[in-house]
Amino acid sequence: MQKELDMPESEARSLARILDASVRVPGTQIYFGLDSVLGLVPGIGDLSSGFLSTYIIVRAYQRGVPRSTLTRMILNVMFDTALGTIPIIGDLGDIFWKANTKNIELWRRAKEDHTRGTGDIIFLAALLISILAFSILCAYLTTKVMSYLASQMGFYPGR
């Protein structure tokens, strides 16, 4: 019966190993996995590995992992997927940013700490503030770039 209860985590841990660390670069302590290989396929490769990574999140959800931990897990996969879309940098990033391994560790820690404390509230508040700050920064930079381009093209709004 105990093996049955641990099966979802075991499956997820195996998938994380396949995606992040199934092959060792000879003579180093560097590992890579299917995520890195799929990332070499332009366009669909990173999306495919992101889709596979959601299996771990779904299994964690089914096992009752707190929402704040699931949010962190989702952000890890989103960052990994976004990073992977950048040519060359994304491929190297896949080797060093192991979202699935990080998510298994988050799952493990959530299992050890069954209580929801102020850490969840602080994390969610920090996440919301970060998203707001990032959005404001993006809007500001977009306005500055557009103003610069308009002035270089001889177009001045309001004339």
Protein backbone atom coordinates (compact mmCIF):
# COMPACT_ATOMS: atom_id res chain seq x y z
CA MET A 1 0.00 0.00 0.00
CA GLN A 2 2.85 2.43 0.79
CA LYS A 3 4.29 2.03 -2.72
CA GLU A 4 0.92 2.95 -4.20
CA LEU A 5 0.81 6.16 -2.17
CA ASP A 6 4.31 7.16 -3.29
CA MET A 7 3.76 6.26 -6.95
CA PRO A 8 2.78 9.75 -8.19
CA GLU A 9 5.87 11.30 -6.62
CA SER A 10 8.06 8.48 -7.90
CA GLU A 11 6.74 8.91 -11.44
CA ALA A 12 7.23 12.66 -11.25
CA ARG A 13 10.77 12.27 -9.88
CA SER A 14 11.63 9.89 -12.75
CA LEU A 15 10.23 12.32 -15.31
CA ALA A 16 12.22 15.18 -13.76
CA ARG A 17 15.41 13.11 -14.03
CA ILE A 18 14.67 12.28 -17.69
CA LEU A 19 13.92 15.92 -18.52
CA ASP A 20 16.73 17.57 -16.53
CA ALA A 21 19.57 15.21 -15.74
CA SER A 22 19.59 11.93 -17.64
CA VAL A 23 22.93 12.44 -19.43
CA ARG A 24 26.23 13.48 -17.88
CA VAL A 25 28.76 15.50 -19.88
CA PRO A 26 31.92 13.34 -19.68
CA GLY A 27 34.61 14.67 -17.35
CA THR A 28 32.26 17.17 -15.67
CA GLN A 29 29.53 17.34 -13.08
CA ILE A 30 27.17 18.83 -15.67
CA TYR A 31 24.01 16.92 -16.52
CA PHE A 32 21.36 17.56 -19.12
CA GLY A 33 18.23 15.80 -20.23
CA LEU A 34 15.43 15.62 -22.74
CA ASP A 35 14.46 19.24 -21.98
CA SER A 36 17.81 20.41 -23.39
CA VAL A 37 17.51 18.17 -26.44
CA LEU A 38 13.92 19.21 -27.19
CA GLY A 39 14.99 22.84 -26.80
CA LEU A 40 17.16 22.48 -29.89
CA VAL A 41 14.02 22.13 -32.03
CA PRO A 42 12.95 25.72 -32.86
CA GLY A 43 9.47 26.68 -31.76
CA ILE A 44 7.87 23.45 -30.65
CA GLY A 45 10.78 21.98 -28.67
CA ASP A 46 10.53 24.26 -25.64
CA LEU A 47 6.76 24.17 -25.70
CA SER A 48 6.88 20.35 -25.74
CA SER A 49 9.20 20.18 -22.75
CA GLY A 50 7.03 22.76 -20.95
CA PHE A 51 4.01 20.56 -21.60
CA LEU A 52 5.84 17.51 -20.21
CA SER A 53 6.83 19.53 -17.14
CA THR A 54 3.19 20.19 -16.32
CA TYR A 55 2.78 16.48 -15.48
CA ILE A 56 4.87 17.04 -12.34
CA ILE A 57 2.72 20.01 -11.34
CA VAL A 58 -0.51 18.09 -11.94
CA ARG A 59 0.74 15.17 -9.81
CA ALA A 60 1.77 17.59 -7.04
CA TYR A 61 -1.68 19.18 -7.18
CA GLN A 62 -3.32 15.75 -6.92
CA ARG A 63 -1.23 15.05 -3.81
CA GLY A 64 -2.43 18.23 -2.07
CA VAL A 65 0.61 20.48 -2.45
CA PRO A 66 -0.28 24.04 -1.29
CA ARG A 67 -1.23 26.62 -3.90
CA SER A 68 1.76 28.81 -3.14
CA THR A 69 4.09 25.90 -3.89
CA LEU A 70 2.17 25.10 -7.07
CA THR A 71 2.53 28.76 -8.06
CA ARG A 72 6.30 28.54 -7.59
CA MET A 73 6.36 25.35 -9.63
CA ILE A 74 4.39 26.98 -12.44
CA LEU A 75 6.72 29.99 -12.42
CA ASN A 76 9.73 27.67 -12.66
CA VAL A 77 8.29 26.02 -15.76
CA MET A 78 7.23 29.34 -17.27
CA PHE A 79 10.72 30.78 -16.76
CA ASP A 80 12.32 27.64 -18.20
CA THR A 81 10.02 27.75 -21.23
CA ALA A 82 10.55 31.50 -21.78
CA LEU A 83 14.32 31.16 -21.36
CA GLY A 84 14.36 28.28 -23.80
CA THR A 85 12.86 30.42 -26.56
CA ILE A 86 16.01 32.58 -26.71
CA PRO A 87 18.40 31.05 -29.27
CA ILE A 88 21.68 29.69 -27.85
CA ILE A 89 21.18 31.34 -24.44
CA GLY A 90 18.05 29.27 -23.92
CA ASP A 91 19.82 26.06 -24.86
CA LEU A 92 22.58 26.78 -22.34
CA GLY A 93 19.97 27.88 -19.82
CA ASP A 94 18.26 24.50 -20.06
CA ILE A 95 21.46 22.88 -18.83
CA PHE A 96 21.74 25.09 -15.77
CA TRP A 97 18.11 25.97 -14.92
CA LYS A 98 16.52 22.66 -14.01
CA ALA A 99 12.90 23.60 -13.44
CA ASN A 100 11.70 20.02 -12.98
CA THR A 101 14.37 19.18 -10.43
CA LYS A 102 13.54 22.41 -8.58
CA ASN A 103 9.86 21.47 -8.65
CA ILE A 104 10.52 18.02 -7.18
CA GLU A 105 12.47 19.73 -4.38
CA LEU A 106 9.59 22.16 -3.78
CA TRP A 107 7.20 19.19 -3.64
CA ARG A 108 9.46 17.41 -1.14
CA ARG A 109 9.67 20.47 1.11
CA ALA A 110 5.90 21.02 0.91
CA LYS A 111 5.36 17.42 2.00
CA GLU A 112 7.58 17.97 5.05
CA ASP A 113 5.85 21.23 6.01
CA HIS A 114 2.14 20.46 6.12
CA THR A 115 1.15 23.81 7.58
CA ARG A 116 0.35 26.93 5.65
CA GLY A 117 2.03 29.77 7.40
CA THR A 118 3.05 33.33 6.83
CA GLY A 119 5.54 32.13 4.23
CA ASP A 120 2.67 31.48 1.81
CA ILE A 121 1.20 34.92 2.39
CA ILE A 122 4.57 36.67 2.10
CA PHE A 123 5.41 34.78 -1.09
CA LEU A 124 2.10 35.59 -2.74
CA ALA A 125 2.38 39.26 -1.75
CA ALA A 126 5.94 39.41 -3.10
CA LEU A 127 4.81 37.72 -6.30
CA LEU A 128 1.99 40.21 -6.84
CA ILE A 129 4.27 43.19 -6.11
CA SER A 130 6.92 41.78 -8.48
CA ILE A 131 4.40 41.28 -11.27
CA LEU A 132 3.09 44.83 -10.78
CA ALA A 133 6.61 46.30 -10.76
CA PHE A 134 7.59 44.29 -13.85
CA SER A 135 4.45 45.43 -15.68
CA ILE A 136 5.15 49.09 -14.84
CA LEU A 137 8.77 48.71 -15.95
CA CYS A 138 7.72 47.12 -19.25
CA ALA A 139 5.18 49.89 -19.89
CA TYR A 140 7.76 52.57 -19.09
CA LEU A 141 10.44 51.03 -21.33
CA THR A 142 7.97 50.52 -24.17
CA THR A 143 6.93 54.19 -23.96
CA LYS A 144 10.56 55.34 -23.97
CA VAL A 145 11.49 53.14 -26.95
CA MET A 146 8.41 54.21 -28.92
CA SER A 147 9.10 57.91 -28.17
CA TYR A 148 12.70 57.52 -29.28
CA LEU A 149 11.73 55.74 -32.49
CA ALA A 150 9.04 58.34 -33.24
CA SER A 151 11.52 61.19 -32.78
CA GLN A 152 14.07 59.46 -35.02
CA MET A 153 11.47 59.05 -37.75
CA GLY A 154 10.44 62.69 -37.53
CA PHE A 155 7.03 61.89 -36.10
CA TYR A 156 6.02 63.88 -33.08
CA PRO A 157 2.64 63.08 -31.53
CA GLY A 158 0.38 66.08 -31.09
CA ARG A 159 1.46 67.95 -34.26
